[in-house]
Amino acid sequence: MTLSQLVTDPYNRRARLQPALLAILPVFLVALLLYPEVEAHSATLLGVATYFGGAVWLTQLGRERGKKLEPGLHARWGGKPSVAMLRHRDTRLNAPTKARYHSTLGSQVPHMTLPTAEEEANNSAAADETYEAASDWLLANTRDTGAFRLIFEENMNYGFRRNYWALKPLAVSVNVVLILLLSILFAQGWTGDLTTTLQGFDNLFWAAAAVPVLHLVATLLIVTDSWVGTVADAYAQQLLAATDILSKN
């Protein structure tokens, strides 16, 4: 994958590149605030990083880690949302809508019979395999991003949150390192008197100090399993809703 593909392709840009850039954003902001002259060389630095695959490597790191950790998310959520929502015992879809999806999928997908509530209760693993197959069929038949724009949008939203959640340790580490470095700068400017020391630093320094602190707090408080789960549910609902559209084709 090239940088051009990352920038021009909507999914790559939102779901892969943007989470990676957000994770290291404090580095650039702190550098620009403390050393404004860096801006004049930013294009060169970006070019060098790009040439050596820095941006692509970061996006691959987020994607691979996101994929690796995704089964753990599904386990904590009680299953992949597009599978779990088809279960009779799941309540996120109302009963008439779920019954319609079951009926339509059973008639549309070759060699597939959706389990009854009793069959699901007797063998939940087998039922989930059928629901997984139904979900896979929906994915395969909704690849047209123009015709299924809402699914594509929710998929990008899910990819962004999952990958940034996967990069959370990196984002936290970046902020902690920046806070330590700024603390060292503060210690070097210590005069022995707190008031005098505080007055010795300009507004740009305090703005730079606020960046990693705010970024760290936001990442720790906002980027959680449930933050990812919200958009995962939205994506699953849009994917399952395509059942009605495909039944008319």
Protein backbone atom coordinates (compact mmCIF):
# COMPACT_ATOMS: atom_id res chain seq x y z
CA MET A 1 0.00 0.00 0.00
CA THR A 2 1.31 3.43 -0.96
CA LEU A 3 0.77 6.80 0.72
CA SER A 4 -1.28 7.85 -2.32
CA GLN A 5 -3.65 4.95 -1.72
CA LEU A 6 -3.92 5.87 1.94
CA VAL A 7 -4.79 9.47 1.15
CA THR A 8 -7.07 9.06 -1.86
CA ASP A 9 -9.05 5.97 -0.85
CA PRO A 10 -11.86 6.99 1.56
CA TYR A 11 -11.71 3.84 3.68
CA ASN A 12 -7.92 3.78 3.94
CA ARG A 13 -7.88 7.46 4.82
CA ARG A 14 -10.51 7.41 7.55
CA ALA A 15 -10.18 3.93 9.00
CA ARG A 16 -6.40 3.48 8.78
CA LEU A 17 -4.48 6.73 8.23
CA GLN A 18 -6.47 9.06 10.50
CA PRO A 19 -6.30 6.81 13.62
CA ALA A 20 -2.52 6.51 13.18
CA LEU A 21 -2.09 10.27 12.78
CA LEU A 22 -4.36 10.97 15.74
CA ALA A 23 -2.23 8.71 17.95
CA ILE A 24 0.93 10.74 17.26
CA LEU A 25 -0.73 14.14 16.79
CA PRO A 26 0.61 15.54 20.12
CA VAL A 27 4.19 15.14 18.86
CA PHE A 28 3.57 17.49 15.95
CA LEU A 29 1.57 20.00 17.98
CA VAL A 30 4.14 20.19 20.78
CA ALA A 31 6.99 20.53 18.28
CA LEU A 32 5.22 23.35 16.44
CA LEU A 33 4.37 25.20 19.65
CA LEU A 34 7.84 24.95 21.17
CA TYR A 35 9.84 25.21 17.98
CA PRO A 36 7.85 27.21 15.38
CA GLU A 37 10.77 27.01 12.96
CA VAL A 38 10.01 23.31 12.55
CA GLU A 39 7.03 24.29 10.37
CA ALA A 40 9.40 25.51 7.66
CA HIS A 41 10.93 22.04 7.47
CA SER A 42 7.75 20.06 8.05
CA ALA A 43 7.28 19.24 4.36
CA THR A 44 10.82 17.85 4.15
CA LEU A 45 10.43 15.83 7.34
CA LEU A 46 7.09 14.46 6.16
CA GLY A 47 8.61 13.56 2.81
CA VAL A 48 11.45 11.65 4.45
CA ALA A 49 9.08 9.81 6.78
CA THR A 50 6.83 8.94 3.86
CA TYR A 51 9.73 7.76 1.71
CA PHE A 52 10.81 5.32 4.38
CA GLY A 53 7.24 4.07 4.86
CA GLY A 54 6.53 5.69 8.21
CA ALA A 55 2.88 6.53 7.51
CA VAL A 56 2.18 3.18 5.89
CA TRP A 57 3.86 1.33 8.75
CA LEU A 58 1.76 3.14 11.35
CA THR A 59 -1.47 2.39 9.49
CA GLN A 60 -0.53 -1.26 9.11
CA LEU A 61 0.30 -1.39 12.82
CA GLY A 62 -3.14 -0.09 13.73
CA ARG A 63 -4.93 -2.37 11.28
CA GLU A 64 -3.06 -5.53 12.26
CA ARG A 65 -3.41 -4.85 15.97
CA GLY A 66 -7.09 -4.00 15.51
CA LYS A 67 -7.71 -7.27 13.67
CA LYS A 68 -5.76 -9.22 16.26
CA LEU A 69 -7.68 -7.75 19.20
CA GLU A 70 -11.09 -7.76 17.50
CA PRO A 71 -12.05 -11.31 18.63
CA GLY A 72 -11.54 -10.18 22.22
CA LEU A 73 -13.94 -7.30 21.64
CA HIS A 74 -16.52 -9.66 20.17
CA ALA A 75 -16.15 -11.98 23.17
CA ARG A 76 -16.74 -9.10 25.60
CA TRP A 77 -19.75 -7.93 23.57
CA GLY A 78 -21.25 -11.42 23.53
CA GLY A 79 -20.43 -12.04 19.87
CA LYS A 80 -19.93 -10.18 16.60
CA PRO A 81 -22.83 -7.70 16.46
CA SER A 82 -24.06 -8.75 12.99
CA VAL A 83 -24.22 -12.34 14.27
CA ALA A 84 -25.55 -11.62 17.76
CA MET A 85 -28.37 -9.42 16.46
CA LEU A 86 -29.78 -12.35 14.48
CA ARG A 87 -30.12 -14.46 17.62
CA HIS A 88 -33.67 -14.90 18.84
CA ARG A 89 -32.56 -14.06 22.39
CA ASP A 90 -30.91 -10.77 21.40
CA THR A 91 -33.16 -7.73 21.90
CA ARG A 92 -31.41 -5.04 19.85
CA LEU A 93 -33.73 -5.70 16.90
CA ASN A 94 -37.47 -5.80 17.43
CA ALA A 95 -39.12 -9.18 16.92
CA PRO A 96 -41.03 -8.44 13.66
CA THR A 97 -37.90 -7.01 12.00
CA LYS A 98 -35.79 -9.97 13.07
CA ALA A 99 -38.44 -12.42 11.87
CA ARG A 100 -38.50 -10.68 8.49
CA TYR A 101 -34.71 -10.85 8.21
CA HIS A 102 -34.73 -14.55 9.10
CA SER A 103 -37.42 -15.29 6.54
CA THR A 104 -35.76 -13.28 3.77
CA LEU A 105 -32.27 -14.65 4.41
CA GLY A 106 -33.64 -18.18 4.48
CA SER A 107 -35.20 -17.70 1.06
CA GLN A 108 -32.40 -15.62 -0.50
CA VAL A 109 -29.25 -17.45 0.61
CA PRO A 110 -28.71 -20.82 -1.06
CA HIS A 111 -28.68 -23.88 1.21
CA MET A 112 -29.47 -21.85 4.33
CA THR A 113 -32.19 -22.42 6.88
CA LEU A 114 -32.28 -20.03 9.82
CA PRO A 115 -32.74 -21.80 13.17
CA THR A 116 -35.87 -21.47 15.25
CA ALA A 117 -35.69 -20.15 18.80
CA GLU A 118 -35.85 -23.72 20.11
CA GLU A 119 -33.08 -24.91 17.78
CA GLU A 120 -30.94 -21.95 18.78
CA ALA A 121 -31.44 -22.72 22.46
CA ASN A 122 -30.54 -26.38 21.94
CA ASN A 123 -27.39 -25.68 19.91
CA SER A 124 -26.26 -22.07 20.10
CA ALA A 125 -22.90 -22.80 18.43
CA ALA A 126 -24.54 -24.27 15.32
CA ALA A 127 -27.01 -21.38 15.25
CA ASP A 128 -24.16 -18.86 15.36
CA GLU A 129 -22.47 -20.61 12.44
CA THR A 130 -25.62 -20.09 10.39
CA TYR A 131 -25.87 -16.45 11.44
CA GLU A 132 -22.19 -15.99 10.58
CA ALA A 133 -22.83 -17.43 7.12
CA ALA A 134 -25.76 -15.05 6.68
CA SER A 135 -23.58 -12.13 7.73
CA ASP A 136 -20.87 -13.20 5.29
CA TRP A 137 -23.44 -13.40 2.49
CA LEU A 138 -24.61 -9.88 3.26
CA LEU A 139 -21.03 -8.60 3.23
CA ALA A 140 -20.35 -10.23 -0.12
CA ASN A 141 -23.47 -8.69 -1.64
CA THR A 142 -23.07 -5.15 -0.33
CA ARG A 143 -19.62 -4.32 -1.73
CA ASP A 144 -21.05 -1.57 -3.94
CA THR A 145 -20.24 1.49 -1.83
CA GLY A 146 -22.49 3.68 -3.95
CA ALA A 147 -25.59 1.54 -3.62
CA PHE A 148 -24.91 0.79 0.06
CA ARG A 149 -23.44 4.11 1.15
CA LEU A 150 -24.72 3.96 4.74
CA ILE A 151 -23.08 0.57 5.27
CA PHE A 152 -19.82 1.94 3.88
CA GLU A 153 -19.99 5.01 6.13
CA GLU A 154 -20.63 2.95 9.25
CA ASN A 155 -17.87 0.51 8.25
CA MET A 156 -15.41 3.41 8.01
CA ASN A 157 -16.57 4.75 11.37
CA TYR A 158 -16.09 1.33 12.92
CA GLY A 159 -12.66 0.93 11.31
CA PHE A 160 -11.56 4.31 12.65
CA ARG A 161 -12.64 3.60 16.22
CA ARG A 162 -11.40 0.02 16.30
CA ASN A 163 -7.98 0.95 14.93
CA TYR A 164 -7.54 3.96 17.21
CA TRP A 165 -8.63 1.81 20.16
CA ALA A 166 -5.98 -0.70 19.07
CA LEU A 167 -3.40 2.11 18.97
CA LYS A 168 -4.42 3.37 22.42
CA PRO A 169 -1.23 2.03 24.09
CA LEU A 170 0.84 3.91 21.51
CA ALA A 171 -1.13 7.13 22.03
CA VAL A 172 -0.79 6.83 25.82
CA SER A 173 2.95 6.15 25.55
CA VAL A 174 3.48 9.12 23.25
CA ASN A 175 1.70 11.43 25.68
CA VAL A 176 3.52 10.10 28.73
CA VAL A 177 6.91 10.60 27.01
CA LEU A 178 5.96 14.15 26.01
CA ILE A 179 4.82 14.97 29.55
CA LEU A 180 8.11 13.67 30.92
CA LEU A 181 10.13 15.70 28.41
CA LEU A 182 8.16 18.85 29.19
CA SER A 183 8.64 18.17 32.91
CA ILE A 184 12.39 18.02 32.32
CA LEU A 185 12.25 21.37 30.52
CA PHE A 186 10.29 22.80 33.44
CA ALA A 187 12.82 21.41 35.92
CA GLN A 188 15.67 22.96 33.94
CA GLY A 189 13.97 26.34 34.23
CA TRP A 190 13.46 26.02 37.97
CA THR A 191 14.73 29.10 39.79
CA GLY A 192 14.02 27.98 43.32
CA ASP A 193 10.83 30.01 43.46
CA LEU A 194 7.56 28.72 42.00
CA THR A 195 6.15 32.10 40.99
CA THR A 196 9.34 33.20 39.29
CA THR A 197 9.66 29.85 37.54
CA LEU A 198 6.10 29.95 36.23
CA GLN A 199 6.63 33.47 34.90
CA GLY A 200 9.76 32.29 33.12
CA PHE A 201 7.76 30.22 30.66
CA ASP A 202 5.67 31.82 27.93
CA ASN A 203 2.14 30.92 26.83
CA LEU A 204 3.41 28.67 24.04
CA PHE A 205 5.10 26.42 26.59
CA TRP A 206 1.92 26.09 28.64
CA ALA A 207 -0.09 25.44 25.50
CA ALA A 208 2.41 22.73 24.56
CA ALA A 209 2.16 21.27 28.07
CA ALA A 210 -1.63 21.14 27.82
CA VAL A 211 -1.60 19.19 24.55
CA PRO A 212 -0.38 15.78 25.81
CA VAL A 213 -2.32 16.10 29.06
CA LEU A 214 -5.63 16.76 27.30
CA HIS A 215 -4.92 14.17 24.61
CA LEU A 216 -4.05 11.59 27.27
CA VAL A 217 -7.15 12.27 29.35
CA ALA A 218 -9.43 12.17 26.29
CA THR A 219 -7.88 8.92 25.07
CA LEU A 220 -8.14 7.22 28.45
CA LEU A 221 -11.71 8.34 29.16
CA ILE A 222 -13.28 8.13 25.70
CA VAL A 223 -11.51 5.33 23.85
CA THR A 224 -13.08 2.25 25.45
CA ASP A 225 -14.67 -1.04 24.39
CA SER A 226 -18.11 0.55 24.50
CA TRP A 227 -16.89 3.49 22.34
CA VAL A 228 -16.04 0.97 19.65
CA GLY A 229 -19.16 -1.09 20.36
CA THR A 230 -21.51 1.81 19.64
CA VAL A 231 -20.42 2.08 16.02
CA ALA A 232 -20.06 -1.69 15.70
CA ASP A 233 -23.77 -1.99 16.49
CA ALA A 234 -24.62 0.80 14.04
CA TYR A 235 -22.62 -0.93 11.31
CA ALA A 236 -24.29 -4.29 12.03
CA GLN A 237 -27.76 -2.73 11.92
CA GLN A 238 -27.07 -1.15 8.54
CA LEU A 239 -25.63 -4.40 7.21
CA LEU A 240 -28.63 -6.43 8.33
CA ALA A 241 -31.01 -3.80 6.96
CA ALA A 242 -29.59 -4.54 3.51
CA THR A 243 -31.57 -7.79 3.69
CA ASP A 244 -34.70 -5.87 2.71
CA ILE A 245 -32.94 -4.12 -0.19
CA LEU A 246 -31.40 -7.31 -1.55
CA SER A 247 -34.75 -9.12 -1.39
CA LYS A 248 -36.13 -6.65 -3.95
CA ASN A 249 -33.35 -7.20 -6.49
